[in-house]
Amino acid sequence: MKAKKIMKVDQAKGKKPLFVQLILENIWSLYDAVLKKDKEKIDKIVTSLGLKIGAREARHSDPKVQVSAICSQWLPVSQAVLAMVCQRLPSPLDITPERVEKLMCSGSQAFDSLPPETQALKAAFMKCGSDETAPVIIFVSKMFAVDAKALPQNRPRPLTQEEIVQRREQARQRHAERLAAAQGPAPAGPTADGSTPETSPEGEEPKGGEPQVGSVTPRPAPQEESSQETNQETFVAFARVFSGVARRGKKIFVLGPKYSPVEFLQRVPSGFSAPLDELPAVPHMACCTLEHLYLLMGRELQDLEEVPPGNVLDRVGVIRCR
């Protein structure tokens, strides 16, 4: 530590791993100072890191607020993840043949055991082309559930300027009607016998001396959304396009982990021509339509019409098919 050099030493001497010394101990030191409310140490850490913490966060009694304020500037997650993806995630054009073979095989299956028709797709992986003749190859790495209300098609549409003006005018009219109803009609003069007639809410003739009975019609409570799609979670897929262009409305084949191309060729011989919906049933294979393509922007999803090859869909877009 004095020479600030990395040297090979015997770990039996009680030396701590480099990750503990260089990473974890610094984070532990920050947490320890905040939890113990050591103001001098906190100020020293903030000054040494060149951070600017607001007075409100510095005086806050909750340690979580102080830790969040310091770490959000010292180690921002968004910048760290983006830098890691840009620096470490390989380009699809730099993919190795071994990696392609691993993606095309599931379990203990060997690439050489695949039919020649399937092995020919290796060239499409390596080329990563976006022309119309390129086969669409999408690799789904993970499925995850999201609230159906978070999907763009289920979110409320923003109002236009005309709709805002119209709703404002409607609100003014309702307000004027409530004021008029609260003030009520002008009181009528006394009758011949000296009694004051009562006005009936139903529009009937007033009857002097008869008690008036008002009827109140309760307003119907707003109905809760009972739609199944907006009250449950839906699955979307993290994926990456390795070839072709994924477009909304395009029909594709979804291949499960146990899909066997050998069994497909046995059921669908080479040269077989028929619409996709009329193909013979093949185990672990389904014909689906790309209903929605999403762009992940933080915690929100944005609709996309197409996703070109090479994009990592768990960061750039999400594919959902039925």
Protein backbone atom coordinates (compact mmCIF):
# COMPACT_ATOMS: atom_id res chain seq x y z
CA MET A 1 0.00 0.00 0.00
CA LYS A 2 2.90 2.38 0.67
CA ALA A 3 4.40 1.86 -2.79
CA LYS A 4 0.92 1.67 -4.41
CA LYS A 5 1.97 -1.32 -6.47
CA ILE A 6 0.25 -4.64 -7.14
CA MET A 7 2.60 -7.48 -6.21
CA LYS A 8 2.24 -11.23 -5.97
CA VAL A 9 2.29 -12.17 -2.30
CA ASP A 10 1.20 -15.13 -0.28
CA GLN A 11 -2.43 -14.69 0.77
CA ALA A 12 -1.69 -16.73 3.87
CA LYS A 13 0.00 -13.65 5.33
CA GLY A 14 -3.41 -12.10 5.86
CA LYS A 15 -3.45 -9.81 2.85
CA LYS A 16 -6.89 -8.66 1.78
CA PRO A 17 -8.03 -9.17 -1.80
CA LEU A 18 -7.60 -6.18 -4.09
CA PHE A 19 -11.36 -5.84 -4.58
CA VAL A 20 -11.82 -5.49 -0.83
CA GLN A 21 -8.99 -2.97 -0.46
CA LEU A 22 -9.76 -0.79 -3.47
CA ILE A 23 -13.56 -1.01 -3.72
CA LEU A 24 -15.42 -2.35 -0.71
CA GLU A 25 -13.43 -0.63 2.03
CA ASN A 26 -14.10 2.78 0.48
CA ILE A 27 -17.82 2.10 0.35
CA TRP A 28 -17.81 0.70 3.89
CA SER A 29 -15.95 3.78 5.11
CA LEU A 30 -18.65 6.04 3.64
CA TYR A 31 -21.49 4.06 5.18
CA ASP A 32 -19.72 3.93 8.55
CA ALA A 33 -19.21 7.71 8.61
CA VAL A 34 -22.82 8.44 7.67
CA LEU A 35 -24.35 5.96 10.12
CA LYS A 36 -22.18 7.23 12.97
CA LYS A 37 -22.89 10.84 11.90
CA ASP A 38 -19.21 11.67 11.81
CA LYS A 39 -19.49 15.11 10.21
CA GLU A 40 -15.75 15.69 9.93
CA LYS A 41 -15.19 12.40 8.11
CA ILE A 42 -18.18 12.98 5.83
CA ASP A 43 -16.90 16.43 4.89
CA LYS A 44 -13.44 14.97 4.22
CA ILE A 45 -14.88 12.27 1.92
CA VAL A 46 -17.06 14.77 0.06
CA THR A 47 -14.14 17.18 -0.38
CA SER A 48 -11.69 14.48 -1.52
CA LEU A 49 -14.19 13.24 -4.12
CA GLY A 50 -14.95 16.75 -5.35
CA LEU A 51 -18.70 16.44 -4.71
CA LYS A 52 -21.26 19.14 -3.97
CA ILE A 53 -23.91 18.02 -1.50
CA GLY A 54 -26.85 20.30 -0.82
CA ALA A 55 -27.34 21.75 2.64
CA ARG A 56 -30.70 20.02 2.96
CA GLU A 57 -29.23 16.57 2.32
CA ALA A 58 -26.26 17.28 4.58
CA ARG A 59 -28.50 18.20 7.52
CA HIS A 60 -31.04 15.45 6.92
CA SER A 61 -31.58 13.10 9.87
CA ASP A 62 -32.13 10.01 7.69
CA PRO A 63 -28.77 8.36 6.85
CA LYS A 64 -30.25 6.90 3.65
CA VAL A 65 -30.78 10.38 2.23
CA GLN A 66 -27.15 11.35 2.85
CA VAL A 67 -25.80 8.10 1.39
CA SER A 68 -28.02 8.45 -1.66
CA ALA A 69 -26.96 12.07 -2.20
CA ILE A 70 -23.25 11.18 -2.04
CA CYS A 71 -23.39 7.96 -4.04
CA SER A 72 -25.59 9.45 -6.76
CA GLN A 73 -22.75 11.85 -7.56
CA TRP A 74 -19.82 9.61 -6.70
CA LEU A 75 -21.04 6.38 -8.31
CA PRO A 76 -24.05 7.18 -10.55
CA VAL A 77 -25.61 3.92 -11.67
CA SER A 78 -26.81 5.21 -15.05
CA GLN A 79 -23.37 6.43 -16.14
CA ALA A 80 -21.63 3.33 -14.80
CA VAL A 81 -23.94 0.93 -16.62
CA LEU A 82 -23.83 2.92 -19.87
CA ALA A 83 -20.02 3.10 -19.78
CA MET A 84 -19.80 -0.62 -19.05
CA VAL A 85 -22.07 -1.48 -21.98
CA CYS A 86 -20.18 0.79 -24.37
CA GLN A 87 -16.75 -0.46 -23.31
CA ARG A 88 -17.34 -4.13 -22.60
CA LEU A 89 -20.32 -5.30 -24.64
CA PRO A 90 -18.94 -6.58 -27.96
CA SER A 91 -20.32 -5.45 -31.27
CA PRO A 92 -22.35 -8.12 -33.12
CA LEU A 93 -19.90 -7.72 -36.02
CA ASP A 94 -17.10 -8.86 -33.71
CA ILE A 95 -18.88 -12.02 -32.62
CA THR A 96 -16.71 -15.13 -32.70
CA PRO A 97 -17.70 -18.35 -34.47
CA GLU A 98 -17.57 -20.19 -31.14
CA ARG A 99 -20.09 -17.76 -29.68
CA VAL A 100 -22.42 -18.24 -32.64
CA GLU A 101 -22.29 -22.01 -32.30
CA LYS A 102 -23.06 -21.72 -28.59
CA LEU A 103 -26.10 -19.53 -29.28
CA MET A 104 -27.41 -21.95 -31.90
CA CYS A 105 -27.07 -25.02 -29.69
CA SER A 106 -29.00 -25.74 -26.54
CA GLY A 107 -27.86 -27.90 -23.68
CA SER A 108 -25.31 -30.54 -24.58
CA GLN A 109 -26.15 -30.39 -28.28
CA ALA A 110 -23.13 -30.10 -30.57
CA PHE A 111 -23.04 -27.75 -33.54
CA ASP A 112 -21.83 -30.51 -35.87
CA SER A 113 -24.96 -32.53 -35.07
CA LEU A 114 -27.24 -29.85 -36.52
CA PRO A 115 -28.61 -30.30 -40.05
CA PRO A 116 -26.78 -28.46 -42.86
CA GLU A 117 -29.78 -26.16 -43.31
CA THR A 118 -29.44 -25.02 -39.70
CA GLN A 119 -25.66 -24.71 -39.83
CA ALA A 120 -26.05 -22.37 -42.82
CA LEU A 121 -27.58 -19.78 -40.48
CA LYS A 122 -24.16 -19.31 -38.92
CA ALA A 123 -23.19 -17.11 -41.86
CA ALA A 124 -26.23 -14.88 -41.19
CA PHE A 125 -25.13 -14.50 -37.56
CA MET A 126 -21.64 -13.47 -38.64
CA LYS A 127 -22.84 -11.03 -41.31
CA CYS A 128 -25.50 -9.30 -39.16
CA GLY A 129 -27.15 -7.90 -42.29
CA SER A 130 -30.23 -5.73 -42.51
CA ASP A 131 -31.19 -6.34 -46.15
CA GLU A 132 -34.59 -7.77 -47.06
CA THR A 133 -33.19 -11.20 -47.91
CA ALA A 134 -31.47 -11.61 -44.53
CA PRO A 135 -33.27 -14.03 -42.19
CA VAL A 136 -34.63 -12.48 -39.02
CA ILE A 137 -32.73 -14.02 -36.09
CA ILE A 138 -33.57 -12.79 -32.59
CA PHE A 139 -32.06 -14.33 -29.46
CA VAL A 140 -34.19 -13.99 -26.32
CA SER A 141 -32.04 -14.12 -23.21
CA LYS A 142 -34.65 -13.49 -20.52
CA MET A 143 -38.38 -13.10 -19.95
CA PHE A 144 -39.66 -10.70 -17.32
CA ALA A 145 -43.05 -9.54 -16.10
CA VAL A 146 -44.24 -5.92 -16.10
CA ASP A 147 -47.49 -4.31 -15.05
CA ALA A 148 -49.84 -4.16 -18.01
CA LYS A 149 -50.65 -0.55 -17.14
CA ALA A 150 -47.02 0.39 -17.85
CA LEU A 151 -47.30 -0.62 -21.52
CA PRO A 152 -47.59 2.35 -23.90
CA GLN A 153 -50.88 1.17 -25.43
CA ASN A 154 -52.49 1.07 -21.95
CA ARG A 155 -51.26 4.44 -20.73
CA PRO A 156 -53.65 7.42 -20.99
CA ARG A 157 -53.17 9.43 -24.16
CA PRO A 158 -52.02 13.04 -23.63
CA LEU A 159 -54.74 15.58 -24.34
CA THR A 160 -54.56 17.90 -27.32
CA GLN A 161 -54.88 21.66 -26.96
CA GLU A 162 -58.46 21.57 -28.25
CA GLU A 163 -59.43 18.88 -25.73
CA ILE A 164 -57.87 20.88 -22.90
CA VAL A 165 -59.89 23.97 -23.86
CA GLN A 166 -63.06 21.90 -24.18
CA ARG A 167 -62.60 20.29 -20.76
CA ARG A 168 -61.86 23.66 -19.18
CA GLU A 169 -65.11 25.04 -20.61
CA GLN A 170 -67.05 22.03 -19.35
CA ALA A 171 -65.57 22.51 -15.88
CA ARG A 172 -66.66 26.16 -15.89
CA GLN A 173 -70.20 25.20 -16.86
CA ARG A 174 -70.42 22.58 -14.11
CA HIS A 175 -69.13 25.11 -11.60
CA ALA A 176 -71.73 27.67 -12.70
CA GLU A 177 -74.52 25.06 -12.42
CA ARG A 178 -73.43 24.14 -8.89
CA LEU A 179 -73.45 27.79 -7.85
CA ALA A 180 -76.93 28.27 -9.33
CA ALA A 181 -78.23 25.15 -7.57
CA ALA A 182 -76.73 26.28 -4.25
CA GLN A 183 -78.39 29.72 -4.43
CA GLY A 184 -81.82 28.24 -5.27
CA PRO A 185 -84.90 30.02 -6.72
CA ALA A 186 -86.19 33.33 -5.38
CA PRO A 187 -88.71 32.97 -2.49
CA ALA A 188 -92.40 33.32 -3.52
CA GLY A 189 -94.84 35.70 -1.86
CA PRO A 190 -97.43 34.63 0.76
CA THR A 191 -100.74 33.08 -0.31
CA ALA A 192 -104.23 34.25 0.48
CA ASP A 193 -104.35 32.38 3.83
CA GLY A 194 -100.98 33.88 4.87
CA SER A 195 -98.92 30.69 4.39
CA THR A 196 -95.82 30.57 2.26
CA PRO A 197 -95.97 28.03 -0.60
CA GLU A 198 -93.20 25.51 -0.92
CA THR A 199 -91.58 24.71 -4.23
CA SER A 200 -91.48 21.08 -5.17
CA PRO A 201 -88.21 19.69 -6.62
CA GLU A 202 -90.26 17.53 -8.92
CA GLY A 203 -91.95 20.47 -10.62
CA GLU A 204 -95.37 19.87 -8.89
CA GLU A 205 -97.74 22.61 -7.78
CA PRO A 206 -96.75 24.05 -4.39
CA LYS A 207 -99.01 23.08 -1.52
CA GLY A 208 -99.14 25.32 1.48
CA GLY A 209 -98.67 23.68 4.86
CA GLU A 210 -97.64 20.31 3.38
CA PRO A 211 -94.13 19.17 4.38
CA GLN A 212 -91.74 18.98 1.48
CA VAL A 213 -89.81 15.77 0.92
CA GLY A 214 -86.65 16.08 -1.22
CA SER A 215 -85.15 13.14 -3.08
CA VAL A 216 -81.43 12.86 -3.51
CA THR A 217 -80.11 10.79 -6.38
CA PRO A 218 -76.64 9.45 -5.52
CA ARG A 219 -74.03 9.81 -8.18
CA PRO A 220 -72.76 6.53 -9.54
CA ALA A 221 -69.29 5.73 -8.28
CA PRO A 222 -66.63 5.61 -10.96
CA GLN A 223 -66.25 2.10 -12.17
CA GLU A 224 -62.88 0.55 -11.64
CA GLU A 225 -61.08 -0.85 -14.60
CA SER A 226 -61.98 -4.46 -14.83
CA SER A 227 -60.15 -5.18 -18.02
CA GLN A 228 -58.01 -8.24 -17.68
CA GLU A 229 -55.15 -6.68 -19.62
CA THR A 230 -54.91 -3.65 -17.31
CA ASN A 231 -55.20 -5.58 -14.02
CA GLN A 232 -52.54 -8.19 -14.54
CA GLU A 233 -48.92 -8.52 -15.47
CA THR A 234 -47.71 -9.34 -18.93
CA PHE A 235 -44.46 -10.93 -20.07
CA VAL A 236 -42.00 -9.20 -22.34
CA ALA A 237 -38.64 -10.45 -23.54
CA PHE A 238 -35.10 -9.19 -23.36
CA ALA A 239 -33.59 -9.96 -26.74
CA ARG A 240 -30.99 -9.03 -29.32
CA VAL A 241 -31.40 -8.95 -33.09
CA PHE A 242 -28.50 -10.76 -34.77
CA SER A 243 -29.81 -10.71 -38.33
CA GLY A 244 -32.55 -9.00 -40.33
CA VAL A 245 -34.87 -6.27 -39.12
CA ALA A 246 -37.55 -6.95 -36.51
CA ARG A 247 -40.70 -5.13 -37.61
CA ARG A 248 -44.05 -4.80 -35.95
CA GLY A 249 -46.62 -7.17 -37.41
CA LYS A 250 -44.03 -9.55 -38.83
CA LYS A 251 -44.61 -13.28 -38.32
CA ILE A 252 -41.73 -15.25 -36.86
CA PHE A 253 -41.08 -18.69 -35.41
CA VAL A 254 -40.45 -18.93 -31.67
CA LEU A 255 -38.16 -21.86 -30.90
CA GLY A 256 -38.13 -23.28 -27.37
CA PRO A 257 -35.07 -24.67 -25.58
CA LYS A 258 -36.07 -28.22 -26.52
CA TYR A 259 -36.67 -27.48 -30.18
CA SER A 260 -35.00 -29.94 -32.56
CA PRO A 261 -34.32 -28.91 -36.18
CA VAL A 262 -33.99 -32.59 -37.07
CA GLU A 263 -37.56 -33.23 -35.97
CA PHE A 264 -38.69 -30.16 -37.93
CA LEU A 265 -37.18 -31.52 -41.16
CA GLN A 266 -38.85 -34.86 -40.55
CA ARG A 267 -42.29 -33.25 -40.26
CA VAL A 268 -41.72 -30.48 -42.83
CA PRO A 269 -39.63 -31.85 -45.72
CA SER A 270 -37.30 -29.66 -47.73
CA GLY A 271 -39.10 -27.71 -50.46
CA PHE A 272 -42.43 -27.78 -48.62
CA SER A 273 -44.43 -24.67 -49.53
CA ALA A 274 -47.44 -23.50 -47.55
CA PRO A 275 -48.63 -20.50 -45.54
CA LEU A 276 -47.02 -20.24 -42.13
CA ASP A 277 -50.31 -20.91 -40.35
CA GLU A 278 -50.78 -24.18 -42.26
CA LEU A 279 -47.43 -25.76 -41.43
CA PRO A 280 -47.57 -29.11 -39.61
CA ALA A 281 -47.31 -28.90 -35.85
CA VAL A 282 -43.73 -29.19 -34.61
CA PRO A 283 -42.96 -29.64 -30.89
CA HIS A 284 -41.50 -26.60 -29.12
CA MET A 285 -42.09 -24.33 -32.12
CA ALA A 286 -44.82 -21.72 -32.52
CA CYS A 287 -45.64 -19.16 -35.18
CA CYS A 288 -46.11 -15.76 -33.55
CA THR A 289 -46.59 -12.15 -34.57
CA LEU A 290 -44.46 -9.31 -33.27
CA GLU A 291 -47.24 -7.22 -31.80
CA HIS A 292 -45.19 -4.52 -30.12
CA LEU A 293 -41.57 -3.41 -30.13
CA TYR A 294 -40.54 -1.32 -27.16
CA LEU A 295 -37.70 1.02 -26.40
CA LEU A 296 -36.66 0.97 -22.76
CA MET A 297 -36.17 4.51 -21.49
CA GLY A 298 -35.48 4.19 -17.79
CA ARG A 299 -38.67 2.85 -16.25
CA GLU A 300 -40.82 3.70 -19.27
CA LEU A 301 -41.47 1.86 -22.51
CA GLN A 302 -41.76 3.58 -25.88
CA ASP A 303 -43.25 2.09 -29.02
CA LEU A 304 -41.02 1.26 -31.98
CA GLU A 305 -41.97 0.26 -35.49
CA GLU A 306 -38.76 -1.70 -36.16
CA VAL A 307 -35.45 -2.69 -34.57
CA PRO A 308 -32.36 -3.06 -36.82
CA PRO A 309 -29.81 -5.84 -36.31
CA GLY A 310 -27.16 -5.57 -33.62
CA ASN A 311 -29.30 -3.81 -31.05
CA VAL A 312 -29.42 -5.14 -27.53
CA LEU A 313 -33.12 -5.15 -26.85
CA ASP A 314 -32.84 -5.36 -23.09
CA ARG A 315 -31.47 -1.82 -23.25
CA VAL A 316 -32.80 -0.51 -26.56
CA GLY A 317 -36.00 -2.42 -27.12
CA VAL A 318 -38.19 -5.28 -26.01
CA ILE A 319 -40.05 -7.78 -28.17
CA ARG A 320 -43.44 -9.12 -27.14
CA CYS A 321 -45.14 -11.82 -29.14
CA ARG A 322 -48.16 -14.02 -28.74
